[in-house]
Protein backbone atom coordinates (compact mmCIF):
# COMPACT_ATOMS: atom_id res chain seq x y z
CA MET A 1 -15.17 61.56 178.76
CA ARG A 2 -14.25 58.09 179.98
CA ILE A 3 -11.28 57.47 181.54
CA LEU A 4 -10.31 53.74 181.85
CA VAL A 5 -8.86 53.30 185.28
CA PRO A 6 -9.59 51.85 188.77
CA VAL A 7 -12.58 53.96 189.76
CA ARG A 8 -11.03 54.03 193.07
CA LEU A 9 -8.09 56.18 191.73
CA SER A 10 -10.03 59.82 192.56
CA VAL A 11 -10.87 58.40 195.93
CA VAL A 12 -7.49 57.81 196.96
CA ILE A 13 -6.39 61.00 195.28
CA ALA A 14 -9.06 63.08 197.71
CA PHE A 15 -7.91 61.20 200.35
CA TYR A 16 -4.39 61.64 200.35
CA LEU A 17 -4.77 65.35 199.40
CA LEU A 18 -5.65 66.28 202.79
CA LEU A 19 -2.39 64.50 204.19
CA LYS A 20 0.27 65.39 202.05
CA PRO A 21 1.71 68.22 200.13
CA VAL A 22 0.62 68.72 196.54
CA SER A 23 2.83 66.34 193.88
CA ILE A 24 2.72 65.14 190.95
CA GLY A 25 2.28 61.94 192.29
CA GLN A 26 -0.68 62.43 193.72
CA PHE A 27 -2.57 63.52 190.44
CA ASN A 28 -0.94 61.92 187.61
CA LEU A 29 -2.27 58.04 186.63
CA PRO A 30 0.33 54.99 186.16
CA ALA A 31 3.09 55.02 184.13
CA GLY A 32 2.53 53.47 180.46
CA THR A 33 1.01 54.69 177.23
CA THR A 34 -1.87 56.70 177.12
CA VAL A 35 -4.20 57.21 174.10
CA ILE A 36 -6.14 60.16 173.78
CA THR A 37 -8.87 59.42 170.77
CA HIS A 38 -11.84 60.91 169.23
CA ALA A 39 -10.60 64.79 169.65
CA THR A 40 -10.20 67.36 167.34
CA VAL A 41 -7.15 68.76 167.61
CA ILE A 42 -6.40 72.21 166.82
CA ASN A 43 -2.58 73.95 166.29
CA PRO A 44 -2.96 77.31 166.10
CA GLY A 45 0.27 77.93 164.72
CA THR A 46 -0.66 76.22 161.56
CA SER A 47 -4.40 77.52 162.09
CA SER A 48 -5.13 74.07 161.49
CA VAL A 49 -7.99 72.15 162.95
CA HIS A 50 -8.22 68.01 162.45
CA LYS A 51 -11.40 66.39 163.50
CA ASN A 52 -11.80 62.72 164.70
CA GLN A 53 -7.91 62.26 166.05
CA THR A 54 -6.12 59.85 167.99
CA VAL A 55 -3.12 61.22 170.36
CA VAL A 56 -0.64 58.56 171.78
CA ILE A 57 1.69 59.69 174.47
CA THR A 58 4.55 57.47 175.82
CA GLY A 59 6.63 58.99 178.82
CA ASP A 60 6.78 63.27 178.29
CA ARG A 61 6.26 62.98 174.38
CA ILE A 62 3.72 62.48 171.79
CA THR A 63 4.38 59.91 169.64
CA SER A 64 1.83 59.73 167.21
CA VAL A 65 -1.13 61.94 165.90
CA SER A 66 -3.76 59.71 163.82
CA ASP A 67 -7.25 59.43 162.33
CA ALA A 68 -9.08 57.58 164.88
CA ASP A 69 -11.05 55.52 162.97
CA LYS A 70 -7.79 53.96 161.29
CA PHE A 71 -5.92 53.37 164.79
CA GLN A 72 -5.67 50.58 166.65
CA LEU A 73 -5.38 50.55 170.20
CA PRO A 74 -2.32 48.92 172.00
CA LYS A 75 -2.72 46.56 174.42
CA ASN A 76 -2.83 48.17 178.11
CA ALA A 77 -3.22 51.62 177.44
CA ARG A 78 -5.30 54.09 179.42
CA VAL A 79 -7.77 55.28 177.07
CA ILE A 80 -9.47 58.86 177.76
CA ASP A 81 -12.51 58.79 175.43
CA ALA A 82 -12.21 62.68 174.14
CA THR A 83 -15.33 62.88 171.97
CA GLY A 84 -16.92 65.80 171.32
CA GLN A 85 -13.80 67.79 172.86
CA TYR A 86 -10.88 69.98 171.60
CA LEU A 87 -7.26 69.24 172.02
CA ILE A 88 -4.73 72.49 172.06
CA PRO A 89 -1.41 72.91 173.13
CA GLY A 90 -0.54 74.08 176.49
CA LEU A 91 -0.86 77.37 177.31
CA TRP A 92 1.79 79.93 178.19
CA ASP A 93 1.92 83.45 180.57
CA MET A 94 4.18 85.49 179.34
CA HIS A 95 4.50 87.81 181.97
CA VAL A 96 4.04 86.81 185.62
CA HIS A 97 5.97 87.12 189.01
CA SER A 98 5.72 84.08 191.32
CA ALA A 99 8.45 84.75 193.72
CA PHE A 100 8.32 88.26 194.14
CA GLY A 101 10.21 89.34 197.65
CA ASP A 102 7.65 88.85 200.54
CA TRP A 103 4.56 90.30 198.43
CA PHE A 104 3.03 86.95 197.70
CA PRO A 105 3.56 84.47 200.43
CA GLY A 106 2.39 80.58 199.37
CA GLY A 107 3.55 80.98 195.79
CA ARG A 108 4.32 77.04 195.90
CA ASP A 109 1.50 76.11 196.87
CA ILE A 110 -1.26 78.67 195.31
CA ILE A 111 0.50 80.23 192.33
CA LEU A 112 1.81 77.21 190.81
CA PRO A 113 -1.02 74.77 191.03
CA LEU A 114 -3.53 77.90 190.01
CA PHE A 115 -1.42 77.66 186.53
CA LEU A 116 -1.42 74.35 185.98
CA ALA A 117 -5.05 73.79 187.31
CA ASN A 118 -5.98 76.39 184.49
CA GLY A 119 -4.40 74.90 181.51
CA VAL A 120 -1.34 77.25 181.64
CA THR A 121 1.84 74.57 181.22
CA GLY A 122 4.53 77.46 180.92
CA VAL A 123 5.24 80.68 181.95
CA ARG A 124 7.77 83.65 181.65
CA ASP A 125 8.74 84.82 185.44
CA MET A 126 9.54 88.90 184.71
CA GLY A 127 11.15 89.63 188.01
CA GLY A 128 11.66 87.29 191.03
CA ASP A 129 13.99 85.40 193.42
CA ILE A 130 16.33 83.21 191.54
CA PRO A 131 16.96 81.08 194.58
CA VAL A 132 13.39 80.38 195.32
CA LEU A 133 12.57 79.73 191.12
CA LEU A 134 15.73 77.88 190.43
CA GLU A 135 14.68 75.31 193.02
CA TRP A 136 10.85 75.22 192.37
CA ARG A 137 12.25 74.43 188.76
CA LYS A 138 14.09 71.56 189.75
CA GLU A 139 11.34 70.37 192.22
CA ILE A 140 8.63 70.63 188.89
CA ALA A 141 10.93 68.66 186.70
CA SER A 142 11.22 66.01 189.34
CA GLY A 143 8.01 65.72 190.25
CA GLN A 144 8.10 66.78 193.84
CA ILE A 145 5.24 69.70 193.07
CA ILE A 146 3.07 70.37 190.37
CA GLY A 147 3.46 73.30 188.50
CA PRO A 148 4.36 75.12 184.56
CA ARG A 149 7.72 75.36 182.58
CA MET A 150 9.49 78.27 183.90
CA VAL A 151 11.92 80.64 182.46
CA ILE A 152 13.36 83.43 184.27
CA SER A 153 14.94 86.88 184.28
CA GLY A 154 15.43 86.73 188.32
CA PRO A 155 15.57 90.36 189.87
CA MET A 156 14.87 93.50 187.61
CA LEU A 157 17.10 96.08 186.57
CA ASP A 158 15.91 99.92 188.22
CA ALA A 159 16.88 102.25 190.11
CA TYR A 160 15.87 104.32 193.42
CA LEU A 161 13.09 106.16 193.58
CA PRO A 162 13.37 109.64 195.38
CA ASN A 163 12.78 108.32 198.80
CA GLY A 164 15.78 106.29 198.53
CA LYS A 165 14.14 102.80 197.92
CA LEU A 166 12.96 100.31 195.03
CA ARG A 167 10.03 100.67 194.18
CA PHE A 168 9.33 96.80 193.67
CA PRO A 169 10.91 93.73 195.53
CA SER A 170 12.99 91.17 193.36
CA SER A 171 15.04 94.21 191.83
CA ILE A 172 18.79 95.35 191.25
CA ALA A 173 19.43 99.07 191.93
CA VAL A 174 21.42 100.21 189.00
CA SER A 175 22.44 103.81 188.86
CA THR A 176 25.33 104.06 186.16
CA PRO A 177 26.62 101.97 182.90
CA ALA A 178 29.15 100.47 185.11
CA THR A 179 26.80 99.11 187.83
CA ALA A 180 24.08 98.19 184.60
CA VAL A 181 27.18 96.00 183.36
CA ALA A 182 28.03 94.49 186.66
CA ALA A 183 24.20 93.65 187.28
CA VAL A 184 23.88 91.87 184.05
CA ASP A 185 26.80 89.95 184.35
CA SER A 186 26.01 88.65 187.75
CA LEU A 187 22.54 87.58 186.61
CA LYS A 188 24.38 85.81 183.58
CA ALA A 189 26.45 84.18 186.65
CA GLN A 190 23.41 82.69 188.50
CA GLY A 191 21.81 81.24 185.21
CA VAL A 192 18.92 83.21 184.12
CA ASP A 193 17.41 83.10 181.29
CA PHE A 194 17.07 86.74 180.16
CA ILE A 195 17.20 90.30 181.56
CA LYS A 196 14.50 92.31 182.63
CA VAL A 197 14.66 96.25 182.91
CA GLN A 198 12.07 98.34 184.81
CA SER A 199 10.84 101.93 184.70
CA VAL A 200 13.31 103.89 186.46
CA ILE A 201 16.58 102.86 185.38
CA SER A 202 18.30 105.98 183.76
CA HIS A 203 19.21 106.19 179.78
CA ASP A 204 22.66 105.76 180.04
CA ALA A 205 22.49 102.73 182.13
CA TYR A 206 19.51 101.25 180.07
CA LEU A 207 21.74 101.29 176.81
CA ALA A 208 24.56 99.80 178.82
CA ALA A 209 22.58 97.13 180.20
CA ALA A 210 21.22 96.11 176.90
CA ALA A 211 24.36 96.30 175.24
CA GLU A 212 26.06 93.90 177.72
CA ALA A 213 22.64 91.47 177.78
CA HIS A 214 23.25 91.09 173.59
CA LYS A 215 27.60 90.49 174.52
CA GLN A 216 26.31 87.76 177.11
CA GLY A 217 23.69 86.05 174.95
CA LEU A 218 20.81 87.17 177.22
CA PRO A 219 17.28 88.38 175.55
CA ILE A 220 16.62 91.89 177.27
CA VAL A 221 12.82 92.47 177.63
CA GLY A 222 10.45 94.50 179.93
CA HIS A 223 9.55 98.47 180.24
CA VAL A 224 10.21 101.26 178.16
CA PRO A 225 12.14 103.28 180.83
CA ASP A 226 10.89 106.59 181.72
CA LYS A 227 13.67 108.32 180.22
CA VAL A 228 14.13 106.28 177.29
CA ARG A 229 12.05 106.99 173.73
CA ILE A 230 10.34 103.54 172.35
CA GLN A 231 12.40 104.04 169.31
CA GLU A 232 15.56 104.01 170.95
CA VAL A 233 14.22 100.61 173.06
CA VAL A 234 13.66 98.88 169.34
CA GLU A 235 16.88 99.93 167.90
CA ALA A 236 18.75 98.54 171.32
CA GLY A 237 17.40 95.39 170.42
CA GLN A 238 14.95 94.81 173.21
CA LYS A 239 13.01 91.77 172.24
CA SER A 240 9.72 92.44 173.93
CA ILE A 241 7.94 95.07 175.48
CA GLU A 242 5.27 94.95 178.17
CA HIS A 243 2.24 96.76 178.78
CA LEU A 244 2.24 98.81 175.70
CA MET A 245 4.58 100.89 177.28
CA GLY A 246 6.26 103.56 175.26
CA ILE A 247 4.13 103.53 171.96
CA PHE A 248 1.36 106.18 173.34
CA GLU A 249 4.18 108.87 174.14
CA GLY A 250 5.99 107.69 170.98
CA CYS A 251 2.85 108.63 168.85
CA SER A 252 2.68 111.76 170.63
CA THR A 253 3.57 115.01 169.16
CA GLU A 254 4.54 115.87 172.72
CA GLU A 255 6.82 112.90 173.54
CA ASP A 256 9.62 115.48 174.94
CA LYS A 257 7.54 116.29 177.52
CA PHE A 258 6.57 112.66 178.67
CA ILE A 259 10.12 112.00 178.49
CA LYS A 260 10.54 115.23 181.06
CA GLY A 261 7.84 113.57 183.28
CA GLU A 262 5.62 116.67 182.44
CA GLY A 263 2.65 114.64 180.76
CA ASN A 264 -0.70 113.46 181.66
CA LEU A 265 -3.21 111.53 180.22
CA LYS A 266 -5.06 114.02 179.13
CA LEU A 267 -2.24 115.41 176.75
CA LEU A 268 -1.48 112.09 175.86
CA LEU A 269 -5.00 111.35 174.13
CA THR A 270 -5.17 114.88 172.47
CA THR A 271 -1.50 114.81 171.13
CA GLN A 272 -1.80 111.76 168.87
CA ASP A 273 -0.42 112.10 165.65
CA GLN A 274 -1.38 109.16 162.91
CA GLN A 275 1.30 109.67 161.11
CA ARG A 276 4.21 109.15 163.49
CA CYS A 277 2.02 106.19 164.82
CA GLY A 278 1.97 104.84 161.69
CA SER A 279 5.74 104.73 161.37
CA LEU A 280 6.49 103.76 164.55
CA ILE A 281 3.93 100.66 164.81
CA LYS A 282 5.96 99.75 161.22
CA LEU A 283 9.74 100.35 162.74
CA LEU A 284 8.07 97.32 165.46
CA ALA A 285 7.16 95.25 162.75
CA GLN A 286 9.97 95.35 161.04
CA ASN A 287 12.31 94.77 163.96
CA GLN A 288 9.87 91.73 164.98
CA THR A 289 9.52 93.63 168.32
CA TRP A 290 6.99 91.59 170.71
CA GLN A 291 4.28 92.92 172.35
CA VAL A 292 2.91 91.85 175.58
CA PRO A 293 -0.23 93.94 176.08
CA THR A 294 -1.41 92.54 179.75
CA LEU A 295 -4.79 93.85 179.00
CA ALA A 296 -6.41 91.56 181.65
CA TRP A 297 -4.21 94.35 184.12
CA GLN A 298 -4.51 97.34 182.09
CA ARG A 299 -8.34 97.03 182.35
CA GLY A 300 -8.28 96.02 185.74
CA GLY A 301 -5.70 99.22 187.04
CA THR A 302 -7.49 101.34 184.67
CA PHE A 303 -10.92 100.89 186.29
CA LEU A 304 -9.72 99.87 189.76
CA ASP A 305 -12.43 102.03 191.84
CA GLN A 306 -15.14 100.61 189.87
CA ARG A 307 -14.36 96.92 190.61
CA ASP A 308 -16.42 95.18 193.31
CA LEU A 309 -13.39 93.07 194.86
CA LYS A 310 -15.13 92.47 197.90
CA HIS A 311 -17.25 90.09 196.44
CA ASP A 312 -14.61 88.32 193.34
CA PRO A 313 -15.74 84.84 192.93
CA LEU A 314 -11.81 84.38 193.12
CA ASP A 315 -11.32 85.48 196.41
CA LYS A 316 -11.51 81.75 197.73
CA TYR A 317 -8.05 81.37 196.40
CA ILE A 318 -6.56 84.75 197.59
CA PRO A 319 -4.38 84.89 201.20
CA ALA A 320 -5.52 87.56 203.78
CA TYR A 321 -2.03 88.71 202.85
CA TRP A 322 -2.22 89.35 199.22
CA ARG A 323 -5.66 91.12 199.79
CA ASP A 324 -5.01 93.43 202.94
CA VAL A 325 -1.54 94.12 202.81
CA THR A 326 0.31 93.70 199.47
CA TRP A 327 -2.87 94.80 196.84
CA ARG A 328 -4.13 97.31 199.45
CA ARG A 329 -0.81 99.27 199.71
CA PHE A 330 -0.53 98.74 196.10
CA THR A 331 -4.38 100.14 195.27
CA ASP A 332 -3.05 102.96 197.89
CA GLU A 333 -0.52 104.11 195.66
CA MET A 334 -2.48 104.15 192.53
CA MET A 335 -5.46 105.44 193.30
CA PRO A 336 -4.86 109.30 194.00
CA ASP A 337 -3.59 109.46 190.25
CA LEU A 338 -6.22 107.51 188.99
CA LEU A 339 -8.82 109.58 190.48
CA ARG A 340 -7.19 112.87 189.01
CA ASP A 341 -8.48 111.80 185.48
CA PRO A 342 -12.44 111.40 185.12
CA LEU A 343 -13.87 107.98 184.32
CA ALA A 344 -14.70 108.85 180.53
CA LEU A 345 -11.23 109.84 180.05
CA ARG A 346 -9.82 106.53 181.44
CA GLN A 347 -12.51 104.58 179.25
CA GLU A 348 -11.28 106.53 175.94
CA TYR A 349 -7.99 105.16 177.21
CA PHE A 350 -8.53 101.84 177.57
CA ALA A 351 -10.52 101.68 174.16
CA HIS A 352 -6.96 103.19 172.85
CA ASN A 353 -5.29 100.54 174.21
CA LEU A 354 -7.54 97.76 172.09
CA GLN A 355 -7.46 99.81 169.11
CA MET A 356 -3.74 100.18 169.58
CA VAL A 357 -3.37 96.11 169.72
CA GLY A 358 -5.72 95.72 166.76
CA ALA A 359 -3.75 98.32 164.90
CA MET A 360 -0.17 96.72 165.51
CA HIS A 361 -1.51 93.15 164.71
CA ARG A 362 -2.91 94.03 161.66
CA VAL A 363 0.60 95.40 160.56
CA GLY A 364 2.63 92.26 161.67
CA VAL A 365 3.75 93.04 165.19
CA PRO A 366 3.64 90.02 166.94
CA PHE A 367 1.93 89.15 170.44
CA MET A 368 2.11 86.90 173.23
CA ALA A 369 -0.45 86.57 176.38
CA GLY A 370 0.71 87.48 179.81
CA THR A 371 -1.26 88.86 182.65
CA ASP A 372 0.83 90.36 185.43
CA THR A 373 -0.28 87.84 187.66
CA ALA A 374 0.13 88.16 191.04
CA PRO A 375 1.22 91.79 191.41
CA GLY A 376 -2.11 92.94 189.29
CA VAL A 377 -4.67 93.41 192.18
CA TYR A 378 -7.03 90.40 191.66
CA ILE A 379 -5.37 89.15 188.56
CA VAL A 380 -5.09 85.58 189.53
CA PRO A 381 -2.82 83.05 188.64
CA GLY A 382 -4.27 81.01 185.87
CA PHE A 383 -7.35 82.54 185.61
CA SER A 384 -6.61 85.55 184.13
CA LEU A 385 -4.94 84.59 181.45
CA HIS A 386 -8.37 83.16 179.98
CA ASP A 387 -9.44 86.95 180.26
CA GLU A 388 -6.55 88.02 178.32
CA LEU A 389 -7.61 85.75 175.71
CA ALA A 390 -10.90 87.22 175.51
CA ASN A 391 -9.17 90.33 175.09
CA PHE A 392 -7.46 89.83 172.64
CA VAL A 393 -10.66 88.92 170.32
CA GLU A 394 -12.01 91.87 171.67
CA ALA A 395 -9.09 93.79 170.06
CA GLY A 396 -10.02 92.47 167.03
CA PHE A 397 -7.94 88.88 167.02
CA THR A 398 -9.55 85.91 165.51
CA PRO A 399 -9.70 83.13 168.58
CA MET A 400 -7.31 81.22 166.36
CA GLU A 401 -5.09 84.48 166.51
CA ALA A 402 -6.02 84.78 170.11
CA LEU A 403 -4.59 81.05 170.80
CA GLN A 404 -1.30 81.41 168.98
CA THR A 405 -0.65 84.64 171.68
CA ALA A 406 -0.38 81.44 174.45
CA THR A 407 0.80 78.63 172.14
CA SER A 408 2.89 78.97 169.17
CA ASN A 409 4.05 82.65 169.91
CA PRO A 410 5.67 81.69 173.20
CA ALA A 411 7.13 78.46 171.57
CA LYS A 412 8.50 80.57 168.95
CA PHE A 413 9.67 83.87 170.82
CA LEU A 414 11.71 81.30 173.33
CA GLY A 415 13.01 79.35 170.39
CA MET A 416 11.05 75.94 171.58
CA GLU A 417 9.19 75.59 168.64
CA ALA A 418 10.95 71.75 168.37
CA ASN A 419 9.71 70.58 171.39
CA LEU A 420 6.49 73.00 172.35
CA GLY A 421 3.87 74.85 171.04
CA SER A 422 1.49 72.65 168.64
CA VAL A 423 0.21 68.95 169.13
CA GLU A 424 2.57 67.13 166.97
CA PRO A 425 4.59 63.88 166.94
CA GLY A 426 7.90 64.52 168.78
CA LYS A 427 6.94 67.03 170.86
CA LEU A 428 6.81 67.04 174.75
CA ALA A 429 2.69 66.15 176.00
CA ASP A 430 2.06 69.66 176.86
CA PHE A 431 -1.55 70.15 176.17
CA VAL A 432 -5.11 70.84 177.26
CA LEU A 433 -8.31 69.22 176.11
CA LEU A 434 -11.56 71.63 176.57
CA THR A 435 -15.41 70.43 176.60
CA ALA A 436 -16.33 73.34 173.94
CA ASP A 437 -14.84 74.88 170.88
CA PRO A 438 -12.61 77.58 171.60
CA LEU A 439 -12.77 79.13 168.02
CA GLU A 440 -16.52 79.45 168.35
CA ASP A 441 -15.93 81.19 171.68
CA ILE A 442 -12.71 82.05 173.09
CA ARG A 443 -14.22 81.49 176.45
CA ASN A 444 -14.37 78.12 175.93
CA THR A 445 -10.65 77.94 176.82
CA ARG A 446 -12.23 78.10 180.68
CA LYS A 447 -14.07 74.53 180.05
CA ILE A 448 -10.98 72.10 180.71
CA SER A 449 -11.47 68.50 181.04
CA VAL A 450 -7.79 67.48 181.20
CA VAL A 451 -4.50 69.06 181.38
CA VAL A 452 -1.38 67.13 180.06
CA GLU A 453 1.99 68.46 181.30
CA ASN A 454 5.68 66.87 180.65
CA GLY A 455 3.23 63.77 180.14
CA HIS A 456 1.32 63.89 183.27
CA ILE A 457 -2.11 63.63 183.14
CA PHE A 458 -4.31 65.54 185.40
CA ASP A 459 -8.30 64.95 184.85
CA ARG A 460 -11.14 66.88 185.63
CA ALA A 461 -11.13 65.54 189.13
CA ALA A 462 -7.45 65.90 189.88
CA LEU A 463 -7.77 69.30 189.05
CA ASP A 464 -10.71 70.16 191.13
CA GLN A 465 -8.92 68.61 193.83
CA ILE A 466 -5.65 70.63 193.04
CA LEU A 467 -8.33 74.03 193.21
CA MET A 468 -9.70 72.86 196.71
CA ARG A 469 -5.75 72.31 197.98
CA VAL A 470 -4.95 75.92 196.92
CA GLU A 471 -8.11 77.24 198.91
CA ALA A 472 -7.02 75.48 201.44
CA ALA A 473 -3.62 76.87 201.58
CA ALA A 474 -4.71 80.44 200.74
CA LYS A 475 -6.99 80.18 204.11
CA ARG A 476 -3.68 79.48 205.89
CA GLN A 477 -1.55 82.10 204.68
């Protein structure tokens, strides 16, 4: 790849990185028309592949996509020769927590740039602090800092645990239908994009929250609460379900026991009923209830005791507080229950996760990629989304279908298809240039040479500098 700009640019970028906060201005090439030529353009939404294409960017928009051999370069354009490379739409992580109380300090300088450095140009924040997220969104839009597009829920609707505390930060305590309605109305007034529900909220409060969210024109998404059946969640119009919650319980002949909190993993796996499961999956497909299975964290959490976290290669991007305080507390809470189940049983359970995803996909249940970063232990912003795409392929998706979960499907889910999700004229310039074919091997989505976000161009040198800056920021936290 060659970029026809002054050779001193990368040197200047590297020098100023040491002096200033990370901003778009430090990386983006000078304003004007940019031409990416001789690329293979992959549009997952239409399963189309077009070789030897020229993509023209003017400002924040794609102005043309055409055959490279018939294209005449405009004068004074920046040219990126993408011969042998592959252009895909910008990736979305549809389950993240970027500003999660005091659990993950440094989000502005670590989480946001890590997304961008990995080609994640958009995220759905599933529980966070509204003032912080709105300020970050404003700063990203103005170019003061670098980061992805963000749609946000603000605090999650939950209820107090028996100890009188909320389980997670960035949560609102909801104990009655009236308080659920008030919480939804308050979040609407604060400008959230949707409502997120957690696990401990009561049956009646959940139904009240769902009804009020619909009344207010807000999608409701999230968990299948502990005291609510997945069928009720579907019938209440919940738009997406996270972590495959409720599906195995709904497939069980002992669903009532799980609603009462009396089940366990062995009972869950030994009481799966094929007929019940088939009817439930059909219901999800008919209602187009989106699934965000977060398989990267499902795998990571299920086998937390088997992972060599001391030697994780991404540890250099992790602040000590995340590792030694937040993740340590989370691990200590999880480990007793985890070790109650033999490894072989957990292996069977995770295999069922993959099988369930494949079964739902074949029937037409829609899916999106999400990771549960950063709360998931060593589920690292940006990097883990590529793991999730590989998990979808392991579950039976084709590489093209896996790409859909992070590109065209999020655009459809969010109602942003007019502007995002594909590389087409008139769309916003959010895309990723890869040095190897992701349709040949989905792991090639990691081989990034250029990220374009809202028309701002980050070449490999700039992306490497972002990662260096994150590494330095992690050491300061």
